[in-house]
């Protein structure tokens, strides 16, 4: 699995900065700041590439990934003490 972390300021990201892709299983994962994550299945390398080069990644997530791919969302509570 390959992971990358985007510069939040450069890309104007407010809800996430890290993503990963499992090429063998075609699973694209977005890790959110609140500790939750979404695993999208059946995602091709081309779609991952389109996401990476998109100017507005948050919009691409909302308008393309969430609409066109099956996904599982995991929620985790992040401690405010850390």
PDB file of N, CA and C in Angstrom:
ATOM      1  N   UNK A   1       0.849  -1.169   0.000  1.00  0.00           N
ATOM      2  CA  UNK A   1       0.000   0.000   0.000  1.00  0.00           C
ATOM      3  C   UNK A   1       0.897   1.235   0.000  1.00  0.00           C
ATOM      4  N   UNK A   2       0.583   2.171  -0.869  1.00  0.00           N
ATOM      5  CA  UNK A   2       1.314   3.429  -0.958  1.00  0.00           C
ATOM      6  C   UNK A   2       0.489   4.529  -0.302  1.00  0.00           C
ATOM      7  N   UNK A   3       1.163   5.373   0.477  1.00  0.00           N
ATOM      8  CA  UNK A   3       0.492   6.488   1.155  1.00  0.00           C
ATOM      9  C   UNK A   3       1.170   7.796   0.804  1.00  0.00           C
ATOM     10  N   UNK A   4       0.393   8.860   0.887  1.00  0.00           N
ATOM     11  CA  UNK A   4       0.956  10.193   0.690  1.00  0.00           C
ATOM     12  C   UNK A   4       0.246  11.175   1.606  1.00  0.00           C
ATOM     13  N   UNK A   5       0.978  12.192   2.003  1.00  0.00           N
ATOM     14  CA  UNK A   5       0.422  13.257   2.830  1.00  0.00           C
ATOM     15  C   UNK A   5       0.558  14.561   2.068  1.00  0.00           C
ATOM     16  N   UNK A   6      -0.559  15.253   1.900  1.00  0.00           N
ATOM     17  CA  UNK A   6      -0.578  16.521   1.177  1.00  0.00           C
ATOM     18  C   UNK A   6      -0.321  17.684   2.126  1.00  0.00           C
ATOM     19  N   UNK A   7       0.272  18.727   1.611  1.00  0.00           N
ATOM     20  CA  UNK A   7       0.466  19.969   2.362  1.00  0.00           C
ATOM     21  C   UNK A   7      -0.900  20.643   2.483  1.00  0.00           C
ATOM     22  N   UNK A   8      -1.417  20.747   3.705  1.00  0.00           N
ATOM     23  CA  UNK A   8      -2.766  21.295   3.920  1.00  0.00           C
ATOM     24  C   UNK A   8      -2.906  22.717   3.408  1.00  0.00           C
ATOM     25  N   UNK A   9      -1.899  23.538   3.628  1.00  0.00           N
ATOM     26  CA  UNK A   9      -1.974  24.937   3.199  1.00  0.00           C
ATOM     27  C   UNK A   9      -1.885  25.059   1.686  1.00  0.00           C
ATOM     28  N   UNK A  10      -0.954  24.336   1.089  1.00  0.00           N
ATOM     29  CA  UNK A  10      -0.761  24.401  -0.357  1.00  0.00           C
ATOM     30  C   UNK A  10      -2.011  23.973  -1.112  1.00  0.00           C
ATOM     31  N   UNK A  11      -2.656  22.898  -0.653  1.00  0.00           N
ATOM     32  CA  UNK A  11      -3.822  22.355  -1.334  1.00  0.00           C
ATOM     33  C   UNK A  11      -5.139  22.844  -0.734  1.00  0.00           C
ATOM     34  N   UNK A  12      -5.071  23.705   0.266  1.00  0.00           N
ATOM     35  CA  UNK A  12      -6.272  24.256   0.899  1.00  0.00           C
ATOM     36  C   UNK A  12      -7.207  23.143   1.402  1.00  0.00           C
ATOM     37  N   UNK A  13      -6.633  22.207   2.149  1.00  0.00           N
ATOM     38  CA  UNK A  13      -7.397  21.078   2.677  1.00  0.00           C
ATOM     39  C   UNK A  13      -7.818  21.355   4.112  1.00  0.00           C
ATOM     40  N   UNK A  14      -9.082  21.098   4.412  1.00  0.00           N
ATOM     41  CA  UNK A  14      -9.554  21.346   5.773  1.00  0.00           C
ATOM     42  C   UNK A  14      -9.983  20.072   6.502  1.00  0.00           C
ATOM     43  N   UNK A  15     -10.310  19.004   5.775  1.00  0.00           N
ATOM     44  CA  UNK A  15     -10.822  17.814   6.455  1.00  0.00           C
ATOM     45  C   UNK A  15      -9.865  16.624   6.448  1.00  0.00           C
ATOM     46  N   UNK A  16      -8.895  16.613   5.551  1.00  0.00           N
ATOM     47  CA  UNK A  16      -7.945  15.503   5.491  1.00  0.00           C
ATOM     48  C   UNK A  16      -6.636  15.987   4.894  1.00  0.00           C
ATOM     49  N   UNK A  17      -5.589  15.165   5.035  1.00  0.00           N
ATOM     50  CA  UNK A  17      -4.320  15.459   4.372  1.00  0.00           C
ATOM     51  C   UNK A  17      -3.609  14.183   3.933  1.00  0.00           C
ATOM     52  N   UNK A  18      -4.040  13.023   4.442  1.00  0.00           N
ATOM     53  CA  UNK A  18      -3.372  11.767   4.107  1.00  0.00           C
ATOM     54  C   UNK A  18      -4.316  10.834   3.363  1.00  0.00           C
ATOM     55  N   UNK A  19      -3.769  10.167   2.323  1.00  0.00           N
ATOM     56  CA  UNK A  19      -4.501   9.161   1.564  1.00  0.00           C
ATOM     57  C   UNK A  19      -3.571   7.980   1.307  1.00  0.00           C
ATOM     58  N   UNK A  20      -4.153   6.829   1.002  1.00  0.00           N
ATOM     59  CA  UNK A  20      -3.346   5.678   0.618  1.00  0.00           C
ATOM     60  C   UNK A  20      -4.094   4.879  -0.443  1.00  0.00           C
ATOM     61  N   UNK A  21      -3.327   4.061  -1.177  1.00  0.00           N
ATOM     62  CA  UNK A  21      -3.919   3.252  -2.241  1.00  0.00           C
ATOM     63  C   UNK A  21      -3.310   1.860  -2.233  1.00  0.00           C
ATOM     64  N   UNK A  22      -4.169   0.859  -2.212  1.00  0.00           N
ATOM     65  CA  UNK A  22      -3.764  -0.533  -2.320  1.00  0.00           C
ATOM     66  C   UNK A  22      -4.056  -0.955  -3.754  1.00  0.00           C
ATOM     67  N   UNK A  23      -3.017  -1.013  -4.558  1.00  0.00           N
ATOM     68  CA  UNK A  23      -3.164  -1.298  -5.986  1.00  0.00           C
ATOM     69  C   UNK A  23      -3.728  -2.698  -6.238  1.00  0.00           C
ATOM     70  N   UNK A  24      -3.277  -3.688  -5.488  1.00  0.00           N
ATOM     71  CA  UNK A  24      -3.731  -5.070  -5.693  1.00  0.00           C
ATOM     72  C   UNK A  24      -5.231  -5.221  -5.448  1.00  0.00           C
ATOM     73  N   UNK A  25      -5.723  -4.592  -4.402  1.00  0.00           N
ATOM     74  CA  UNK A  25      -7.142  -4.698  -4.045  1.00  0.00           C
ATOM     75  C   UNK A  25      -7.984  -3.531  -4.532  1.00  0.00           C
ATOM     76  N   UNK A  26      -7.349  -2.551  -5.166  1.00  0.00           N
ATOM     77  CA  UNK A  26      -8.011  -1.343  -5.677  1.00  0.00           C
ATOM     78  C   UNK A  26      -8.818  -0.633  -4.584  1.00  0.00           C
ATOM     79  N   UNK A  27      -8.173  -0.435  -3.434  1.00  0.00           N
ATOM     80  CA  UNK A  27      -8.814   0.272  -2.321  1.00  0.00           C
ATOM     81  C   UNK A  27      -8.090   1.591  -2.091  1.00  0.00           C
ATOM     82  N   UNK A  28      -8.850   2.667  -2.153  1.00  0.00           N
ATOM     83  CA  UNK A  28      -8.333   4.019  -1.936  1.00  0.00           C
ATOM     84  C   UNK A  28      -8.877   4.500  -0.594  1.00  0.00           C
ATOM     85  N   UNK A  29      -7.986   4.906   0.301  1.00  0.00           N
ATOM     86  CA  UNK A  29      -8.384   5.295   1.653  1.00  0.00           C
ATOM     87  C   UNK A  29      -8.060   6.755   1.906  1.00  0.00           C
ATOM     88  N   UNK A  30      -9.013   7.468   2.495  1.00  0.00           N
ATOM     89  CA  UNK A  30      -8.825   8.861   2.900  1.00  0.00           C
ATOM     90  C   UNK A  30      -8.889   8.888   4.423  1.00  0.00           C
ATOM     91  N   UNK A  31      -7.854   9.466   5.044  1.00  0.00           N
ATOM     92  CA  UNK A  31      -7.765   9.559   6.505  1.00  0.00           C
ATOM     93  C   UNK A  31      -8.099  10.988   6.929  1.00  0.00           C
ATOM     94  N   UNK A  32      -9.154  11.154   7.703  1.00  0.00           N
ATOM     95  CA  UNK A  32      -9.621  12.475   8.098  1.00  0.00           C
ATOM     96  C   UNK A  32      -8.989  12.926   9.414  1.00  0.00           C
ATOM     97  N   UNK A  33      -8.962  14.245   9.618  1.00  0.00           N
ATOM     98  CA  UNK A  33      -8.368  14.829  10.822  1.00  0.00           C
ATOM     99  C   UNK A  33      -9.085  14.401  12.101  1.00  0.00           C
ATOM    100  N   UNK A  34     -10.366  14.081  11.998  1.00  0.00           N
ATOM    101  CA  UNK A  34     -11.126  13.705  13.194  1.00  0.00           C
ATOM    102  C   UNK A  34     -10.926  12.241  13.583  1.00  0.00           C
ATOM    103  N   UNK A  35     -10.043  11.540  12.869  1.00  0.00           N
ATOM    104  CA  UNK A  35      -9.751  10.151  13.181  1.00  0.00           C
ATOM    105  C   UNK A  35     -10.532   9.149  12.360  1.00  0.00           C
ATOM    106  N   UNK A  36     -11.528   9.596  11.618  1.00  0.00           N
ATOM    107  CA  UNK A  36     -12.297   8.676  10.787  1.00  0.00           C
ATOM    108  C   UNK A  36     -11.572   8.437   9.463  1.00  0.00           C
ATOM    109  N   UNK A  37     -12.020   7.427   8.747  1.00  0.00           N
ATOM    110  CA  UNK A  37     -11.451   7.150   7.435  1.00  0.00           C
ATOM    111  C   UNK A  37     -12.523   6.565   6.539  1.00  0.00           C
ATOM    112  N   UNK A  38     -12.331   6.726   5.240  1.00  0.00           N
ATOM    113  CA  UNK A  38     -13.226   6.126   4.256  1.00  0.00           C
ATOM    114  C   UNK A  38     -12.384   5.259   3.338  1.00  0.00           C
ATOM    115  N   UNK A  39     -12.808   3.995   3.175  1.00  0.00           N
ATOM    116  CA  UNK A  39     -12.179   3.071   2.240  1.00  0.00           C
ATOM    117  C   UNK A  39     -13.085   2.939   1.025  1.00  0.00           C
ATOM    118  N   UNK A  40     -12.604   3.402  -0.118  1.00  0.00           N
ATOM    119  CA  UNK A  40     -13.333   3.262  -1.375  1.00  0.00           C
ATOM    120  C   UNK A  40     -12.839   2.007  -2.077  1.00  0.00           C
ATOM    121  N   UNK A  41     -13.743   1.203  -2.607  1.00  0.00           N
ATOM    122  CA  UNK A  41     -13.331  -0.001  -3.328  1.00  0.00           C
ATOM    123  C   UNK A  41     -13.555   0.171  -4.825  1.00  0.00           C
ATOM    124  N   UNK A  42     -12.887  -0.702  -5.596  1.00  0.00           N
ATOM    125  CA  UNK A  42     -12.991  -0.715  -7.057  1.00  0.00           C
ATOM    126  C   UNK A  42     -12.456   0.570  -7.684  1.00  0.00           C
ATOM    127  N   UNK A  43     -11.454   1.172  -7.071  1.00  0.00           N
ATOM    128  CA  UNK A  43     -10.881   2.428  -7.563  1.00  0.00           C
ATOM    129  C   UNK A  43      -9.660   2.106  -8.425  1.00  0.00           C
ATOM    130  N   UNK A  44      -9.674   2.563  -9.659  1.00  0.00           N
ATOM    131  CA  UNK A  44      -8.567   2.312 -10.579  1.00  0.00           C
ATOM    132  C   UNK A  44      -7.414   3.279 -10.328  1.00  0.00           C
ATOM    133  N   UNK A  45      -6.255   2.928 -10.845  1.00  0.00           N
ATOM    134  CA  UNK A  45      -5.096   3.816 -10.743  1.00  0.00           C
ATOM    135  C   UNK A  45      -5.368   5.151 -11.427  1.00  0.00           C
ATOM    136  N   UNK A  46      -6.098   5.110 -12.515  1.00  0.00           N
ATOM    137  CA  UNK A  46      -6.432   6.343 -13.240  1.00  0.00           C
ATOM    138  C   UNK A  46      -7.231   7.296 -12.350  1.00  0.00           C
ATOM    139  N   UNK A  47      -8.176   6.768 -11.602  1.00  0.00           N
ATOM    140  CA  UNK A  47      -8.972   7.596 -10.695  1.00  0.00           C
ATOM    141  C   UNK A  47      -8.104   8.184  -9.593  1.00  0.00           C
ATOM    142  N   UNK A  48      -7.189   7.385  -9.052  1.00  0.00           N
ATOM    143  CA  UNK A  48      -6.272   7.885  -8.023  1.00  0.00           C
ATOM    144  C   UNK A  48      -5.418   9.006  -8.602  1.00  0.00           C
ATOM    145  N   UNK A  49      -4.929   8.819  -9.812  1.00  0.00           N
ATOM    146  CA  UNK A  49      -4.125   9.848 -10.468  1.00  0.00           C
ATOM    147  C   UNK A  49      -4.941  11.128 -10.651  1.00  0.00           C
ATOM    148  N   UNK A  50      -6.189  10.998 -11.086  1.00  0.00           N
ATOM    149  CA  UNK A  50      -7.055  12.167 -11.252  1.00  0.00           C
ATOM    150  C   UNK A  50      -7.245  12.896  -9.926  1.00  0.00           C
ATOM    151  N   UNK A  51      -7.389  12.147  -8.850  1.00  0.00           N
ATOM    152  CA  UNK A  51      -7.514  12.754  -7.528  1.00  0.00           C
ATOM    153  C   UNK A  51      -6.244  13.519  -7.169  1.00  0.00           C
ATOM    154  N   UNK A  52      -5.099  12.881  -7.363  1.00  0.00           N
ATOM    155  CA  UNK A  52      -3.816  13.487  -6.994  1.00  0.00           C
ATOM    156  C   UNK A  52      -3.575  14.787  -7.749  1.00  0.00           C
ATOM    157  N   UNK A  53      -3.924  14.836  -9.024  1.00  0.00           N
ATOM    158  CA  UNK A  53      -3.661  16.051  -9.809  1.00  0.00           C
ATOM    159  C   UNK A  53      -4.794  17.071  -9.743  1.00  0.00           C
ATOM    160  N   UNK A  54      -5.908  16.714  -9.120  1.00  0.00           N
ATOM    161  CA  UNK A  54      -7.023  17.662  -9.040  1.00  0.00           C
ATOM    162  C   UNK A  54      -6.645  18.859  -8.165  1.00  0.00           C
ATOM    163  N   UNK A  55      -7.075  20.023  -8.586  1.00  0.00           N
ATOM    164  CA  UNK A  55      -6.797  21.261  -7.858  1.00  0.00           C
ATOM    165  C   UNK A  55      -7.591  21.298  -6.549  1.00  0.00           C
ATOM    166  N   UNK A  56      -8.850  20.885  -6.612  1.00  0.00           N
ATOM    167  CA  UNK A  56      -9.733  20.918  -5.441  1.00  0.00           C
ATOM    168  C   UNK A  56     -10.029  19.486  -4.990  1.00  0.00           C
ATOM    169  N   UNK A  57      -9.159  18.945  -4.176  1.00  0.00           N
ATOM    170  CA  UNK A  57      -9.266  17.556  -3.748  1.00  0.00           C
ATOM    171  C   UNK A  57     -10.511  17.301  -2.887  1.00  0.00           C
ATOM    172  N   UNK A  58     -10.875  18.264  -2.060  1.00  0.00           N
ATOM    173  CA  UNK A  58     -12.067  18.090  -1.215  1.00  0.00           C
ATOM    174  C   UNK A  58     -13.318  17.995  -2.094  1.00  0.00           C
ATOM    175  N   UNK A  59     -13.396  18.804  -3.128  1.00  0.00           N
ATOM    176  CA  UNK A  59     -14.527  18.756  -4.044  1.00  0.00           C
ATOM    177  C   UNK A  59     -14.527  17.446  -4.837  1.00  0.00           C
ATOM    178  N   UNK A  60     -13.362  17.001  -5.278  1.00  0.00           N
ATOM    179  CA  UNK A  60     -13.255  15.736  -6.015  1.00  0.00           C
ATOM    180  C   UNK A  60     -13.750  14.579  -5.142  1.00  0.00           C
ATOM    181  N   UNK A  61     -13.388  14.609  -3.888  1.00  0.00           N
ATOM    182  CA  UNK A  61     -13.848  13.591  -2.946  1.00  0.00           C
ATOM    183  C   UNK A  61     -15.374  13.586  -2.870  1.00  0.00           C
ATOM    184  N   UNK A  62     -15.969  14.766  -2.695  1.00  0.00           N
ATOM    185  CA  UNK A  62     -17.426  14.887  -2.548  1.00  0.00           C
ATOM    186  C   UNK A  62     -18.179  14.588  -3.846  1.00  0.00           C
ATOM    187  N   UNK A  63     -17.703  15.149  -4.949  1.00  0.00           N
ATOM    188  CA  UNK A  63     -18.468  15.080  -6.194  1.00  0.00           C
ATOM    189  C   UNK A  63     -18.157  13.867  -7.062  1.00  0.00           C
ATOM    190  N   UNK A  64     -17.039  13.213  -6.826  1.00  0.00           N
ATOM    191  CA  UNK A  64     -16.696  12.077  -7.680  1.00  0.00           C
ATOM    192  C   UNK A  64     -16.568  10.756  -6.902  1.00  0.00           C
ATOM    193  N   UNK A  65     -15.716  10.742  -5.896  1.00  0.00           N
ATOM    194  CA  UNK A  65     -15.475   9.481  -5.183  1.00  0.00           C
ATOM    195  C   UNK A  65     -16.703   9.005  -4.411  1.00  0.00           C
ATOM    196  N   UNK A  66     -17.290   9.878  -3.597  1.00  0.00           N
ATOM    197  CA  UNK A  66     -18.448   9.476  -2.788  1.00  0.00           C
ATOM    198  C   UNK A  66     -19.655   9.095  -3.637  1.00  0.00           C
ATOM    199  N   UNK A  67     -19.754   9.666  -4.820  1.00  0.00           N
ATOM    200  CA  UNK A  67     -20.902   9.426  -5.692  1.00  0.00           C
ATOM    201  C   UNK A  67     -20.730   8.166  -6.544  1.00  0.00           C
ATOM    202  N   UNK A  68     -19.501   7.870  -6.951  1.00  0.00           N
ATOM    203  CA  UNK A  68     -19.280   6.824  -7.949  1.00  0.00           C
ATOM    204  C   UNK A  68     -18.671   5.514  -7.455  1.00  0.00           C
ATOM    205  N   UNK A  69     -18.246   5.456  -6.208  1.00  0.00           N
ATOM    206  CA  UNK A  69     -17.567   4.251  -5.736  1.00  0.00           C
ATOM    207  C   UNK A  69     -18.169   3.748  -4.429  1.00  0.00           C
ATOM    208  N   UNK A  70     -18.263   2.411  -4.287  1.00  0.00           N
ATOM    209  CA  UNK A  70     -18.718   1.871  -3.002  1.00  0.00           C
ATOM    210  C   UNK A  70     -17.678   2.165  -1.928  1.00  0.00           C
ATOM    211  N   UNK A  71     -18.149   2.434  -0.720  1.00  0.00           N
ATOM    212  CA  UNK A  71     -17.203   2.761   0.346  1.00  0.00           C
ATOM    213  C   UNK A  71     -17.720   2.320   1.707  1.00  0.00           C
ATOM    214  N   UNK A  72     -16.762   2.209   2.627  1.00  0.00           N
ATOM    215  CA  UNK A  72     -17.055   1.949   4.034  1.00  0.00           C
ATOM    216  C   UNK A  72     -16.416   3.076   4.822  1.00  0.00           C
ATOM    217  N   UNK A  73     -17.186   3.674   5.723  1.00  0.00           N
ATOM    218  CA  UNK A  73     -16.658   4.757   6.555  1.00  0.00           C
ATOM    219  C   UNK A  73     -16.482   4.247   7.979  1.00  0.00           C
ATOM    220  N   UNK A  74     -15.279   4.463   8.494  1.00  0.00           N
ATOM    221  CA  UNK A  74     -14.951   4.091   9.871  1.00  0.00           C
ATOM    222  C   UNK A  74     -14.843   5.364  10.688  1.00  0.00           C
ATOM    223  N   UNK A  75     -15.466   5.363  11.861  1.00  0.00           N
ATOM    224  CA  UNK A  75     -15.390   6.542  12.720  1.00  0.00           C
ATOM    225  C   UNK A  75     -14.608   6.196  13.974  1.00  0.00           C
ATOM    226  N   UNK A  76     -13.721   7.087  14.323  1.00  0.00           N
ATOM    227  CA  UNK A  76     -12.909   6.916  15.521  1.00  0.00           C
ATOM    228  C   UNK A  76     -12.921   8.214  16.284  1.00  0.00           C
ATOM    229  N   UNK A  77     -13.046   8.116  17.555  1.00  0.00           N
ATOM    230  CA  UNK A  77     -13.025   9.315  18.379  1.00  0.00           C
ATOM    231  C   UNK A  77     -11.582   9.653  18.720  1.00  0.00           C
ATOM    232  N   UNK A  78     -11.204  10.893  18.471  1.00  0.00           N
ATOM    233  CA  UNK A  78      -9.853  11.347  18.764  1.00  0.00           C
ATOM    234  C   UNK A  78      -9.853  12.050  20.110  1.00  0.00           C
ATOM    235  N   UNK A  79      -8.956  11.654  20.976  1.00  0.00           N
ATOM    236  CA  UNK A  79      -8.864  12.245  22.304  1.00  0.00           C
ATOM    237  C   UNK A  79      -8.401  13.691  22.226  1.00  0.00           C
ATOM    238  N   UNK A  80      -9.030  14.559  23.001  1.00  0.00           N
ATOM    239  CA  UNK A  80      -8.629  15.964  23.041  1.00  0.00           C
ATOM    240  C   UNK A  80      -7.434  16.171  23.962  1.00  0.00           C
ATOM    241  N   UNK A  81      -7.024  15.131  24.674  1.00  0.00           N
ATOM    242  CA  UNK A  81      -5.894  15.229  25.587  1.00  0.00           C
ATOM    243  C   UNK A  81      -4.558  15.121  24.867  1.00  0.00           C
ATOM    244  N   UNK A  82      -4.541  14.581  23.658  1.00  0.00           N
ATOM    245  CA  UNK A  82      -3.277  14.386  22.950  1.00  0.00           C
ATOM    246  C   UNK A  82      -2.821  15.607  22.203  1.00  0.00           C
TER     247      UNK A  82
END
